[in-house]
């Protein structure tokens, strides 16, 4: 019997690993993380009717990303405007990438 994967999607594992890495590098503490993440989960629960927020699916890890963005902005690791621009760049890239091809950001 094959064990179930720990994460439903590769990006879930990447988001998790990024938080672990940032904490290990001293960017924030786990108590700081849990406060921010808990706040985001509560906000998303109200906004989305708990649609998958607590089951480890996409909604849960979208909340994880929002928490990462928020804590990075608060800690001065990344400006909110820079994160918003990067998100828009990735959205443009994946919307213009043919199915099955790797998504790449345009180089300036």
Protein backbone atom coordinates (compact mmCIF):
# COMPACT_ATOMS: atom_id res chain seq x y z
CA UNK A 1 0.00 0.00 0.00
CA UNK A 2 1.41 3.34 -1.08
CA UNK A 3 1.38 6.10 1.56
CA UNK A 4 -0.64 9.23 0.82
CA UNK A 5 1.45 12.26 -0.12
CA UNK A 6 2.03 14.78 2.65
CA UNK A 7 0.91 17.58 0.33
CA UNK A 8 -1.81 17.59 -2.33
CA UNK A 9 0.18 19.77 -4.75
CA UNK A 10 3.84 20.67 -5.22
CA UNK A 11 3.16 24.35 -4.52
CA UNK A 12 1.72 23.40 -1.10
CA UNK A 13 5.06 21.83 -0.18
CA UNK A 14 6.95 24.81 -1.60
CA UNK A 15 4.91 27.29 0.45
CA UNK A 16 5.42 25.20 3.57
CA UNK A 17 9.16 24.89 2.92
CA UNK A 18 9.49 28.63 2.38
CA UNK A 19 7.98 29.37 5.79
CA UNK A 20 10.23 26.78 7.44
CA UNK A 21 13.28 28.23 5.68
CA UNK A 22 12.44 31.82 6.63
CA UNK A 23 11.91 30.87 10.26
CA UNK A 24 15.17 28.90 10.32
CA UNK A 25 17.00 31.96 8.93
CA UNK A 26 15.55 34.13 11.72
CA UNK A 27 13.14 36.14 9.56
CA UNK A 28 10.40 35.52 12.13
CA UNK A 29 9.66 33.25 15.07
CA UNK A 30 7.09 30.46 15.10
CA UNK A 31 4.96 32.34 17.66
CA UNK A 32 4.93 35.34 15.28
CA UNK A 33 4.05 33.02 12.39
CA UNK A 34 1.23 31.30 14.24
CA UNK A 35 -0.32 34.63 15.19
CA UNK A 36 -0.27 35.93 11.62
CA UNK A 37 -1.37 32.61 10.11
CA UNK A 38 -4.17 32.22 12.65
CA UNK A 39 -5.44 35.70 11.85
CA UNK A 40 -5.39 34.95 8.12
CA UNK A 41 -7.20 31.62 8.62
CA UNK A 42 -9.89 33.40 10.63
CA UNK A 43 -10.25 36.05 7.91
CA UNK A 44 -10.43 33.44 5.17
CA UNK A 45 -12.92 31.38 7.15
CA UNK A 46 -15.23 34.37 7.36
CA UNK A 47 -14.65 35.38 3.74
CA UNK A 48 -14.89 31.92 2.20
CA UNK A 49 -17.27 30.06 4.47
CA UNK A 50 -14.50 27.68 5.58
CA UNK A 51 -14.29 26.26 2.05
CA UNK A 52 -11.42 23.87 2.55
CA UNK A 53 -9.52 26.23 4.84
CA UNK A 54 -8.89 23.63 7.51
CA UNK A 55 -8.38 20.51 5.40
CA UNK A 56 -4.91 21.21 4.00
CA UNK A 57 -6.19 21.88 0.49
CA UNK A 58 -5.73 24.83 -1.83
CA UNK A 59 -7.66 27.28 0.38
CA UNK A 60 -5.49 26.39 3.36
CA UNK A 61 -2.29 26.98 1.43
CA UNK A 62 -3.64 30.16 -0.18
CA UNK A 63 -4.07 31.38 3.40
CA UNK A 64 -0.50 30.19 4.05
CA UNK A 65 0.74 32.36 1.15
CA UNK A 66 -1.25 35.38 2.35
CA UNK A 67 0.30 34.92 5.80
CA UNK A 68 3.79 34.68 4.26
CA UNK A 69 3.19 37.86 2.27
CA UNK A 70 1.86 39.64 5.34
CA UNK A 71 4.65 38.63 7.69
CA UNK A 72 7.30 39.44 5.08
CA UNK A 73 5.79 42.91 4.61
CA UNK A 74 5.55 43.52 8.38
CA UNK A 75 9.14 42.37 8.91
CA UNK A 76 10.41 44.50 6.03
CA UNK A 77 11.52 41.47 4.01
CA UNK A 78 9.42 42.45 1.00
CA UNK A 79 7.30 45.48 0.22
CA UNK A 80 3.61 44.82 -0.35
CA UNK A 81 3.74 46.63 -3.71
CA UNK A 82 6.64 44.45 -4.87
CA UNK A 83 4.76 41.29 -3.90
CA UNK A 84 1.63 42.51 -5.71
CA UNK A 85 3.65 43.27 -8.85
CA UNK A 86 5.36 39.88 -8.72
CA UNK A 87 2.00 38.14 -8.35
CA UNK A 88 0.70 40.02 -11.39
CA UNK A 89 3.82 39.04 -13.37
CA UNK A 90 3.30 35.36 -12.54
CA UNK A 91 -0.38 35.58 -13.46
CA UNK A 92 0.47 37.09 -16.85
CA UNK A 93 3.12 34.41 -17.36
CA UNK A 94 0.89 31.44 -16.60
CA UNK A 95 -2.02 32.84 -18.60
CA UNK A 96 0.20 33.21 -21.66
CA UNK A 97 2.00 29.87 -21.31
CA UNK A 98 0.76 27.02 -23.52
CA UNK A 99 -0.61 24.03 -21.64
CA UNK A 100 2.10 21.61 -20.61
CA UNK A 101 4.92 24.11 -20.97
CA UNK A 102 6.91 25.46 -18.02
CA UNK A 103 5.82 28.88 -16.77
CA UNK A 104 8.61 31.43 -16.92
CA UNK A 105 8.70 35.08 -15.99
CA UNK A 106 9.80 37.44 -18.75
CA UNK A 107 13.33 38.71 -18.30
CA UNK A 108 13.77 42.48 -18.34
